[in-house]
């Protein structure tokens, strides 16, 4: 597999992995133990993904991984807020 394609896959999966954790994070008190777990629990998964794909650490790719990580957290948080704002349907 081309290294560029592998990085794109890893960045996309990093985003997707963080969506449920962002959803969870939005429902707990800020800086509580659950909040810290919600923020950091995906890190080992992302590292394992990079090892599984055989991707070396590159400083040039670091900002993209950080953006995907926090983008997924943000998207999950927004999803929770949007669902909370909807009225209950019968």
PDB file of N, CA and C in Angstrom:
ATOM      1  N   UNK A   1       0.854  -1.178   0.000  1.00  0.00           N
ATOM      2  CA  UNK A   1       0.000   0.000   0.000  1.00  0.00           C
ATOM      3  C   UNK A   1       0.896   1.237   0.000  1.00  0.00           C
ATOM      4  N   UNK A   2       0.508   2.201  -0.781  1.00  0.00           N
ATOM      5  CA  UNK A   2       1.235   3.460  -0.858  1.00  0.00           C
ATOM      6  C   UNK A   2       1.196   4.136   0.511  1.00  0.00           C
ATOM      7  N   UNK A   3       2.334   4.726   0.930  1.00  0.00           N
ATOM      8  CA  UNK A   3       2.410   5.361   2.252  1.00  0.00           C
ATOM      9  C   UNK A   3       1.428   6.521   2.385  1.00  0.00           C
ATOM     10  N   UNK A   4       1.221   7.276   1.314  1.00  0.00           N
ATOM     11  CA  UNK A   4       0.286   8.399   1.357  1.00  0.00           C
ATOM     12  C   UNK A   4      -1.142   7.904   1.600  1.00  0.00           C
ATOM     13  N   UNK A   5      -1.523   6.833   0.939  1.00  0.00           N
ATOM     14  CA  UNK A   5      -2.851   6.260   1.128  1.00  0.00           C
ATOM     15  C   UNK A   5      -2.996   5.745   2.558  1.00  0.00           C
ATOM     16  N   UNK A   6      -1.949   5.120   3.077  1.00  0.00           N
ATOM     17  CA  UNK A   6      -1.993   4.613   4.449  1.00  0.00           C
ATOM     18  C   UNK A   6      -2.170   5.761   5.446  1.00  0.00           C
ATOM     19  N   UNK A   7      -1.479   6.876   5.223  1.00  0.00           N
ATOM     20  CA  UNK A   7      -1.651   8.034   6.105  1.00  0.00           C
ATOM     21  C   UNK A   7      -3.070   8.593   6.009  1.00  0.00           C
ATOM     22  N   UNK A   8      -3.618   8.663   4.814  1.00  0.00           N
ATOM     23  CA  UNK A   8      -4.990   9.164   4.657  1.00  0.00           C
ATOM     24  C   UNK A   8      -5.999   8.266   5.367  1.00  0.00           C
ATOM     25  N   UNK A   9      -5.803   6.963   5.263  1.00  0.00           N
ATOM     26  CA  UNK A   9      -6.675   6.022   5.957  1.00  0.00           C
ATOM     27  C   UNK A   9      -6.550   6.217   7.464  1.00  0.00           C
ATOM     28  N   UNK A  10      -5.324   6.317   7.961  1.00  0.00           N
ATOM     29  CA  UNK A  10      -5.098   6.487   9.395  1.00  0.00           C
ATOM     30  C   UNK A  10      -5.706   7.788   9.905  1.00  0.00           C
ATOM     31  N   UNK A  11      -5.596   8.851   9.146  1.00  0.00           N
ATOM     32  CA  UNK A  11      -6.163  10.136   9.557  1.00  0.00           C
ATOM     33  C   UNK A  11      -7.691  10.056   9.581  1.00  0.00           C
ATOM     34  N   UNK A  12      -8.285   9.438   8.568  1.00  0.00           N
ATOM     35  CA  UNK A  12      -9.737   9.273   8.542  1.00  0.00           C
ATOM     36  C   UNK A  12     -10.248   8.416   9.684  1.00  0.00           C
ATOM     37  N   UNK A  13      -9.556   7.320   9.961  1.00  0.00           N
ATOM     38  CA  UNK A  13      -9.962   6.432  11.055  1.00  0.00           C
ATOM     39  C   UNK A  13      -9.767   7.130  12.401  1.00  0.00           C
ATOM     40  N   UNK A  14      -8.725   7.937  12.526  1.00  0.00           N
ATOM     41  CA  UNK A  14      -8.511   8.706  13.751  1.00  0.00           C
ATOM     42  C   UNK A  14      -9.696   9.625  14.014  1.00  0.00           C
ATOM     43  N   UNK A  15     -10.190  10.273  12.979  1.00  0.00           N
ATOM     44  CA  UNK A  15     -11.368  11.128  13.125  1.00  0.00           C
ATOM     45  C   UNK A  15     -12.568  10.314  13.596  1.00  0.00           C
ATOM     46  N   UNK A  16     -12.815   9.198  12.934  1.00  0.00           N
ATOM     47  CA  UNK A  16     -13.990   8.367  13.238  1.00  0.00           C
ATOM     48  C   UNK A  16     -13.906   7.771  14.648  1.00  0.00           C
ATOM     49  N   UNK A  17     -12.726   7.349  15.063  1.00  0.00           N
ATOM     50  CA  UNK A  17     -12.550   6.791  16.408  1.00  0.00           C
ATOM     51  C   UNK A  17     -12.914   7.824  17.465  1.00  0.00           C
ATOM     52  N   UNK A  18     -12.619   9.089  17.225  1.00  0.00           N
ATOM     53  CA  UNK A  18     -12.815  10.118  18.232  1.00  0.00           C
ATOM     54  C   UNK A  18     -14.233  10.658  18.309  1.00  0.00           C
ATOM     55  N   UNK A  19     -15.079  10.391  17.340  1.00  0.00           N
ATOM     56  CA  UNK A  19     -16.455  10.899  17.386  1.00  0.00           C
ATOM     57  C   UNK A  19     -17.210  10.373  18.612  1.00  0.00           C
ATOM     58  N   UNK A  20     -17.222   9.059  18.894  1.00  0.00           N
ATOM     59  CA  UNK A  20     -17.955   8.616  20.093  1.00  0.00           C
ATOM     60  C   UNK A  20     -17.340   9.134  21.394  1.00  0.00           C
ATOM     61  N   UNK A  21     -16.029   9.303  21.422  1.00  0.00           N
ATOM     62  CA  UNK A  21     -15.394   9.835  22.628  1.00  0.00           C
ATOM     63  C   UNK A  21     -15.746  11.310  22.829  1.00  0.00           C
ATOM     64  N   UNK A  22     -15.869  12.055  21.755  1.00  0.00           N
ATOM     65  CA  UNK A  22     -16.319  13.438  21.855  1.00  0.00           C
ATOM     66  C   UNK A  22     -17.764  13.519  22.300  1.00  0.00           C
ATOM     67  N   UNK A  23     -18.590  12.583  21.832  1.00  0.00           N
ATOM     68  CA  UNK A  23     -19.992  12.506  22.248  1.00  0.00           C
ATOM     69  C   UNK A  23     -20.058  12.267  23.758  1.00  0.00           C
ATOM     70  N   UNK A  24     -19.262  11.343  24.231  1.00  0.00           N
ATOM     71  CA  UNK A  24     -19.212  11.025  25.655  1.00  0.00           C
ATOM     72  C   UNK A  24     -18.687  12.214  26.455  1.00  0.00           C
ATOM     73  N   UNK A  25     -17.617  12.827  25.983  1.00  0.00           N
ATOM     74  CA  UNK A  25     -16.985  13.952  26.676  1.00  0.00           C
ATOM     75  C   UNK A  25     -17.959  15.100  26.874  1.00  0.00           C
ATOM     76  N   UNK A  26     -18.834  15.330  25.914  1.00  0.00           N
ATOM     77  CA  UNK A  26     -19.774  16.445  26.008  1.00  0.00           C
ATOM     78  C   UNK A  26     -20.820  16.226  27.092  1.00  0.00           C
ATOM     79  N   UNK A  27     -20.979  14.996  27.572  1.00  0.00           N
ATOM     80  CA  UNK A  27     -21.989  14.707  28.573  1.00  0.00           C
ATOM     81  C   UNK A  27     -21.481  14.608  29.992  1.00  0.00           C
ATOM     82  N   UNK A  28     -20.190  14.860  30.193  1.00  0.00           N
ATOM     83  CA  UNK A  28     -19.631  14.778  31.546  1.00  0.00           C
ATOM     84  C   UNK A  28     -19.063  16.130  31.957  1.00  0.00           C
ATOM     85  N   UNK A  29     -18.858  16.279  33.276  1.00  0.00           N
ATOM     86  CA  UNK A  29     -18.327  17.525  33.809  1.00  0.00           C
ATOM     87  C   UNK A  29     -16.881  17.715  33.353  1.00  0.00           C
ATOM     88  N   UNK A  30     -16.564  18.936  32.946  1.00  0.00           N
ATOM     89  CA  UNK A  30     -15.233  19.252  32.443  1.00  0.00           C
ATOM     90  C   UNK A  30     -14.179  19.015  33.522  1.00  0.00           C
ATOM     91  N   UNK A  31     -13.072  18.402  33.128  1.00  0.00           N
ATOM     92  CA  UNK A  31     -11.923  18.075  33.970  1.00  0.00           C
ATOM     93  C   UNK A  31     -12.225  17.020  35.038  1.00  0.00           C
ATOM     94  N   UNK A  32     -13.332  16.316  34.909  1.00  0.00           N
ATOM     95  CA  UNK A  32     -13.626  15.199  35.802  1.00  0.00           C
ATOM     96  C   UNK A  32     -12.818  13.986  35.313  1.00  0.00           C
ATOM     97  N   UNK A  33     -12.721  12.930  36.123  1.00  0.00           N
ATOM     98  CA  UNK A  33     -12.007  11.733  35.648  1.00  0.00           C
ATOM     99  C   UNK A  33     -12.586  11.162  34.350  1.00  0.00           C
ATOM    100  N   UNK A  34     -13.931  11.172  34.225  1.00  0.00           N
ATOM    101  CA  UNK A  34     -14.535  10.663  32.986  1.00  0.00           C
ATOM    102  C   UNK A  34     -14.149  11.529  31.787  1.00  0.00           C
ATOM    103  N   UNK A  35     -14.052  12.829  31.990  1.00  0.00           N
ATOM    104  CA  UNK A  35     -13.673  13.744  30.921  1.00  0.00           C
ATOM    105  C   UNK A  35     -12.258  13.422  30.429  1.00  0.00           C
ATOM    106  N   UNK A  36     -11.337  13.209  31.371  1.00  0.00           N
ATOM    107  CA  UNK A  36      -9.958  12.881  30.982  1.00  0.00           C
ATOM    108  C   UNK A  36      -9.890  11.547  30.235  1.00  0.00           C
ATOM    109  N   UNK A  37     -10.681  10.588  30.659  1.00  0.00           N
ATOM    110  CA  UNK A  37     -10.706   9.301  29.952  1.00  0.00           C
ATOM    111  C   UNK A  37     -11.273   9.494  28.548  1.00  0.00           C
ATOM    112  N   UNK A  38     -12.346  10.267  28.429  1.00  0.00           N
ATOM    113  CA  UNK A  38     -12.960  10.498  27.115  1.00  0.00           C
ATOM    114  C   UNK A  38     -11.999  11.194  26.161  1.00  0.00           C
ATOM    115  N   UNK A  39     -11.170  12.070  26.687  1.00  0.00           N
ATOM    116  CA  UNK A  39     -10.221  12.794  25.839  1.00  0.00           C
ATOM    117  C   UNK A  39      -9.041  11.909  25.448  1.00  0.00           C
ATOM    118  N   UNK A  40      -8.581  11.066  26.369  1.00  0.00           N
ATOM    119  CA  UNK A  40      -7.322  10.345  26.142  1.00  0.00           C
ATOM    120  C   UNK A  40      -7.474   8.864  25.784  1.00  0.00           C
ATOM    121  N   UNK A  41      -8.644   8.294  25.893  1.00  0.00           N
ATOM    122  CA  UNK A  41      -8.809   6.855  25.662  1.00  0.00           C
ATOM    123  C   UNK A  41      -8.513   6.439  24.228  1.00  0.00           C
ATOM    124  N   UNK A  42      -8.692   7.323  23.286  1.00  0.00           N
ATOM    125  CA  UNK A  42      -8.472   6.964  21.889  1.00  0.00           C
ATOM    126  C   UNK A  42      -6.996   6.959  21.494  1.00  0.00           C
ATOM    127  N   UNK A  43      -6.143   7.559  22.314  1.00  0.00           N
ATOM    128  CA  UNK A  43      -4.718   7.646  21.964  1.00  0.00           C
ATOM    129  C   UNK A  43      -4.098   6.271  21.723  1.00  0.00           C
ATOM    130  N   UNK A  44      -4.266   5.284  22.627  1.00  0.00           N
ATOM    131  CA  UNK A  44      -3.672   3.971  22.344  1.00  0.00           C
ATOM    132  C   UNK A  44      -4.224   3.324  21.070  1.00  0.00           C
ATOM    133  N   UNK A  45      -5.502   3.570  20.778  1.00  0.00           N
ATOM    134  CA  UNK A  45      -6.082   3.015  19.552  1.00  0.00           C
ATOM    135  C   UNK A  45      -5.437   3.612  18.310  1.00  0.00           C
ATOM    136  N   UNK A  46      -5.204   4.905  18.336  1.00  0.00           N
ATOM    137  CA  UNK A  46      -4.591   5.574  17.187  1.00  0.00           C
ATOM    138  C   UNK A  46      -3.143   5.113  17.027  1.00  0.00           C
ATOM    139  N   UNK A  47      -2.431   4.966  18.133  1.00  0.00           N
ATOM    140  CA  UNK A  47      -1.049   4.477  18.062  1.00  0.00           C
ATOM    141  C   UNK A  47      -1.018   3.051  17.517  1.00  0.00           C
ATOM    142  N   UNK A  48      -1.932   2.196  17.993  1.00  0.00           N
ATOM    143  CA  UNK A  48      -1.995   0.821  17.490  1.00  0.00           C
ATOM    144  C   UNK A  48      -2.321   0.798  15.996  1.00  0.00           C
ATOM    145  N   UNK A  49      -3.203   1.686  15.568  1.00  0.00           N
ATOM    146  CA  UNK A  49      -3.538   1.783  14.142  1.00  0.00           C
ATOM    147  C   UNK A  49      -2.307   2.142  13.322  1.00  0.00           C
ATOM    148  N   UNK A  50      -1.554   3.109  13.801  1.00  0.00           N
ATOM    149  CA  UNK A  50      -0.344   3.512  13.069  1.00  0.00           C
ATOM    150  C   UNK A  50       0.661   2.371  13.003  1.00  0.00           C
ATOM    151  N   UNK A  51       0.824   1.632  14.106  1.00  0.00           N
ATOM    152  CA  UNK A  51       1.737   0.481  14.089  1.00  0.00           C
ATOM    153  C   UNK A  51       1.217  -0.597  13.146  1.00  0.00           C
ATOM    154  N   UNK A  52      -0.088  -0.844  13.155  1.00  0.00           N
ATOM    155  CA  UNK A  52      -0.670  -1.872  12.290  1.00  0.00           C
ATOM    156  C   UNK A  52      -0.476  -1.540  10.810  1.00  0.00           C
ATOM    157  N   UNK A  53      -0.532  -0.253  10.489  1.00  0.00           N
ATOM    158  CA  UNK A  53      -0.327   0.165   9.094  1.00  0.00           C
ATOM    159  C   UNK A  53       1.145   0.362   8.756  1.00  0.00           C
ATOM    160  N   UNK A  54       2.011   0.238   9.749  1.00  0.00           N
ATOM    161  CA  UNK A  54       3.450   0.387   9.521  1.00  0.00           C
ATOM    162  C   UNK A  54       3.868   1.812   9.206  1.00  0.00           C
ATOM    163  N   UNK A  55       3.192   2.776   9.807  1.00  0.00           N
ATOM    164  CA  UNK A  55       3.479   4.175   9.523  1.00  0.00           C
ATOM    165  C   UNK A  55       4.497   4.734  10.512  1.00  0.00           C
ATOM    166  N   UNK A  56       5.589   5.267  10.013  1.00  0.00           N
ATOM    167  CA  UNK A  56       6.566   5.877  10.920  1.00  0.00           C
ATOM    168  C   UNK A  56       6.077   7.257  11.373  1.00  0.00           C
ATOM    169  N   UNK A  57       6.640   7.723  12.482  1.00  0.00           N
ATOM    170  CA  UNK A  57       6.307   9.064  12.952  1.00  0.00           C
ATOM    171  C   UNK A  57       6.959  10.081  12.025  1.00  0.00           C
ATOM    172  N   UNK A  58       6.169  11.027  11.571  1.00  0.00           N
ATOM    173  CA  UNK A  58       6.680  12.125  10.734  1.00  0.00           C
ATOM    174  C   UNK A  58       6.108  13.419  11.279  1.00  0.00           C
ATOM    175  N   UNK A  59       6.995  14.363  11.546  1.00  0.00           N
ATOM    176  CA  UNK A  59       6.546  15.663  12.049  1.00  0.00           C
ATOM    177  C   UNK A  59       5.612  16.354  11.064  1.00  0.00           C
ATOM    178  N   UNK A  60       5.808  16.126   9.785  1.00  0.00           N
ATOM    179  CA  UNK A  60       4.957  16.771   8.789  1.00  0.00           C
ATOM    180  C   UNK A  60       3.517  16.271   8.843  1.00  0.00           C
ATOM    181  N   UNK A  61       3.302  15.070   9.341  1.00  0.00           N
ATOM    182  CA  UNK A  61       1.949  14.503   9.439  1.00  0.00           C
ATOM    183  C   UNK A  61       1.299  14.769  10.795  1.00  0.00           C
ATOM    184  N   UNK A  62       2.088  15.155  11.776  1.00  0.00           N
ATOM    185  CA  UNK A  62       1.588  15.377  13.129  1.00  0.00           C
ATOM    186  C   UNK A  62       0.420  16.368  13.183  1.00  0.00           C
ATOM    187  N   UNK A  63       0.504  17.535  12.507  1.00  0.00           N
ATOM    188  CA  UNK A  63      -0.639  18.456  12.555  1.00  0.00           C
ATOM    189  C   UNK A  63      -1.926  17.859  11.982  1.00  0.00           C
ATOM    190  N   UNK A  64      -1.821  17.005  10.987  1.00  0.00           N
ATOM    191  CA  UNK A  64      -3.009  16.381  10.412  1.00  0.00           C
ATOM    192  C   UNK A  64      -3.645  15.391  11.387  1.00  0.00           C
ATOM    193  N   UNK A  65      -2.807  14.641  12.116  1.00  0.00           N
ATOM    194  CA  UNK A  65      -3.343  13.727  13.120  1.00  0.00           C
ATOM    195  C   UNK A  65      -3.987  14.494  14.271  1.00  0.00           C
ATOM    196  N   UNK A  66      -3.366  15.583  14.691  1.00  0.00           N
ATOM    197  CA  UNK A  66      -3.942  16.401  15.769  1.00  0.00           C
ATOM    198  C   UNK A  66      -5.280  16.987  15.315  1.00  0.00           C
ATOM    199  N   UNK A  67      -5.332  17.478  14.088  1.00  0.00           N
ATOM    200  CA  UNK A  67      -6.582  18.038  13.560  1.00  0.00           C
ATOM    201  C   UNK A  67      -7.670  16.964  13.475  1.00  0.00           C
ATOM    202  N   UNK A  68      -7.324  15.766  13.033  1.00  0.00           N
ATOM    203  CA  UNK A  68      -8.303  14.680  12.952  1.00  0.00           C
ATOM    204  C   UNK A  68      -8.761  14.267  14.345  1.00  0.00           C
ATOM    205  N   UNK A  69      -7.838  14.231  15.287  1.00  0.00           N
ATOM    206  CA  UNK A  69      -8.167  13.836  16.658  1.00  0.00           C
ATOM    207  C   UNK A  69      -9.171  14.807  17.269  1.00  0.00           C
ATOM    208  N   UNK A  70      -8.825  16.079  17.263  1.00  0.00           N
ATOM    209  CA  UNK A  70      -9.710  17.065  17.874  1.00  0.00           C
ATOM    210  C   UNK A  70     -10.933  17.356  17.012  1.00  0.00           C
ATOM    211  N   UNK A  71     -10.823  17.163  15.716  1.00  0.00           N
ATOM    212  CA  UNK A  71     -11.991  17.296  14.853  1.00  0.00           C
ATOM    213  C   UNK A  71     -13.040  16.245  15.167  1.00  0.00           C
ATOM    214  N   UNK A  72     -12.611  15.014  15.419  1.00  0.00           N
ATOM    215  CA  UNK A  72     -13.536  13.956  15.808  1.00  0.00           C
ATOM    216  C   UNK A  72     -14.163  14.230  17.164  1.00  0.00           C
ATOM    217  N   UNK A  73     -13.359  14.731  18.097  1.00  0.00           N
ATOM    218  CA  UNK A  73     -13.891  15.100  19.413  1.00  0.00           C
ATOM    219  C   UNK A  73     -14.938  16.205  19.263  1.00  0.00           C
ATOM    220  N   UNK A  74     -14.643  17.196  18.445  1.00  0.00           N
ATOM    221  CA  UNK A  74     -15.561  18.312  18.230  1.00  0.00           C
ATOM    222  C   UNK A  74     -16.849  17.837  17.559  1.00  0.00           C
ATOM    223  N   UNK A  75     -16.722  16.984  16.546  1.00  0.00           N
ATOM    224  CA  UNK A  75     -17.897  16.482  15.835  1.00  0.00           C
ATOM    225  C   UNK A  75     -18.795  15.669  16.767  1.00  0.00           C
ATOM    226  N   UNK A  76     -18.199  14.843  17.621  1.00  0.00           N
ATOM    227  CA  UNK A  76     -18.994  14.074  18.573  1.00  0.00           C
ATOM    228  C   UNK A  76     -19.705  14.966  19.574  1.00  0.00           C
ATOM    229  N   UNK A  77     -19.021  16.010  20.015  1.00  0.00           N
ATOM    230  CA  UNK A  77     -19.617  16.964  20.945  1.00  0.00           C
ATOM    231  C   UNK A  77     -20.798  17.682  20.308  1.00  0.00           C
ATOM    232  N   UNK A  78     -20.622  18.116  19.077  1.00  0.00           N
ATOM    233  CA  UNK A  78     -21.714  18.802  18.371  1.00  0.00           C
ATOM    234  C   UNK A  78     -22.892  17.858  18.134  1.00  0.00           C
ATOM    235  N   UNK A  79     -22.615  16.613  17.831  1.00  0.00           N
ATOM    236  CA  UNK A  79     -23.674  15.629  17.628  1.00  0.00           C
ATOM    237  C   UNK A  79     -24.504  15.471  18.903  1.00  0.00           C
ATOM    238  N   UNK A  80     -23.843  15.396  20.048  1.00  0.00           N
ATOM    239  CA  UNK A  80     -24.574  15.264  21.313  1.00  0.00           C
ATOM    240  C   UNK A  80     -25.430  16.501  21.578  1.00  0.00           C
ATOM    241  N   UNK A  81     -24.878  17.676  21.348  1.00  0.00           N
ATOM    242  CA  UNK A  81     -25.642  18.909  21.569  1.00  0.00           C
ATOM    243  C   UNK A  81     -26.842  18.982  20.635  1.00  0.00           C
ATOM    244  N   UNK A  82     -26.663  18.599  19.390  1.00  0.00           N
ATOM    245  CA  UNK A  82     -27.758  18.634  18.421  1.00  0.00           C
ATOM    246  C   UNK A  82     -28.859  17.659  18.821  1.00  0.00           C
ATOM    247  N   UNK A  83     -28.479  16.464  19.248  1.00  0.00           N
ATOM    248  CA  UNK A  83     -29.484  15.475  19.662  1.00  0.00           C
ATOM    249  C   UNK A  83     -30.191  15.906  20.931  1.00  0.00           C
ATOM    250  N   UNK A  84     -29.481  16.571  21.843  1.00  0.00           N
ATOM    251  CA  UNK A  84     -30.095  17.050  23.087  1.00  0.00           C
ATOM    252  C   UNK A  84     -31.085  18.180  22.814  1.00  0.00           C
ATOM    253  N   UNK A  85     -30.847  18.959  21.770  1.00  0.00           N
ATOM    254  CA  UNK A  85     -31.708  20.105  21.460  1.00  0.00           C
ATOM    255  C   UNK A  85     -32.984  19.684  20.735  1.00  0.00           C
ATOM    256  N   UNK A  86     -33.023  18.497  20.170  1.00  0.00           N
ATOM    257  CA  UNK A  86     -34.211  18.041  19.462  1.00  0.00           C
ATOM    258  C   UNK A  86     -35.293  17.643  20.453  1.00  0.00           C
ATOM    259  N   UNK A  87     -36.527  18.034  20.165  1.00  0.00           N
ATOM    260  CA  UNK A  87     -37.612  17.592  21.038  1.00  0.00           C
ATOM    261  C   UNK A  87     -37.837  16.093  20.890  1.00  0.00           C
ATOM    262  N   UNK A  88     -38.283  15.470  21.960  1.00  0.00           N
ATOM    263  CA  UNK A  88     -38.557  14.026  21.906  1.00  0.00           C
ATOM    264  C   UNK A  88     -39.738  13.748  20.990  1.00  0.00           C
ATOM    265  N   UNK A  89     -39.545  12.772  20.128  1.00  0.00           N
ATOM    266  CA  UNK A  89     -40.612  12.399  19.196  1.00  0.00           C
ATOM    267  C   UNK A  89     -41.323  11.173  19.746  1.00  0.00           C
ATOM    268  N   UNK A  90     -42.653  11.112  19.597  1.00  0.00           N
ATOM    269  CA  UNK A  90     -43.405   9.946  20.092  1.00  0.00           C
ATOM    270  C   UNK A  90     -43.120   8.687  19.322  1.00  0.00           C
TER     271      UNK A  90
END
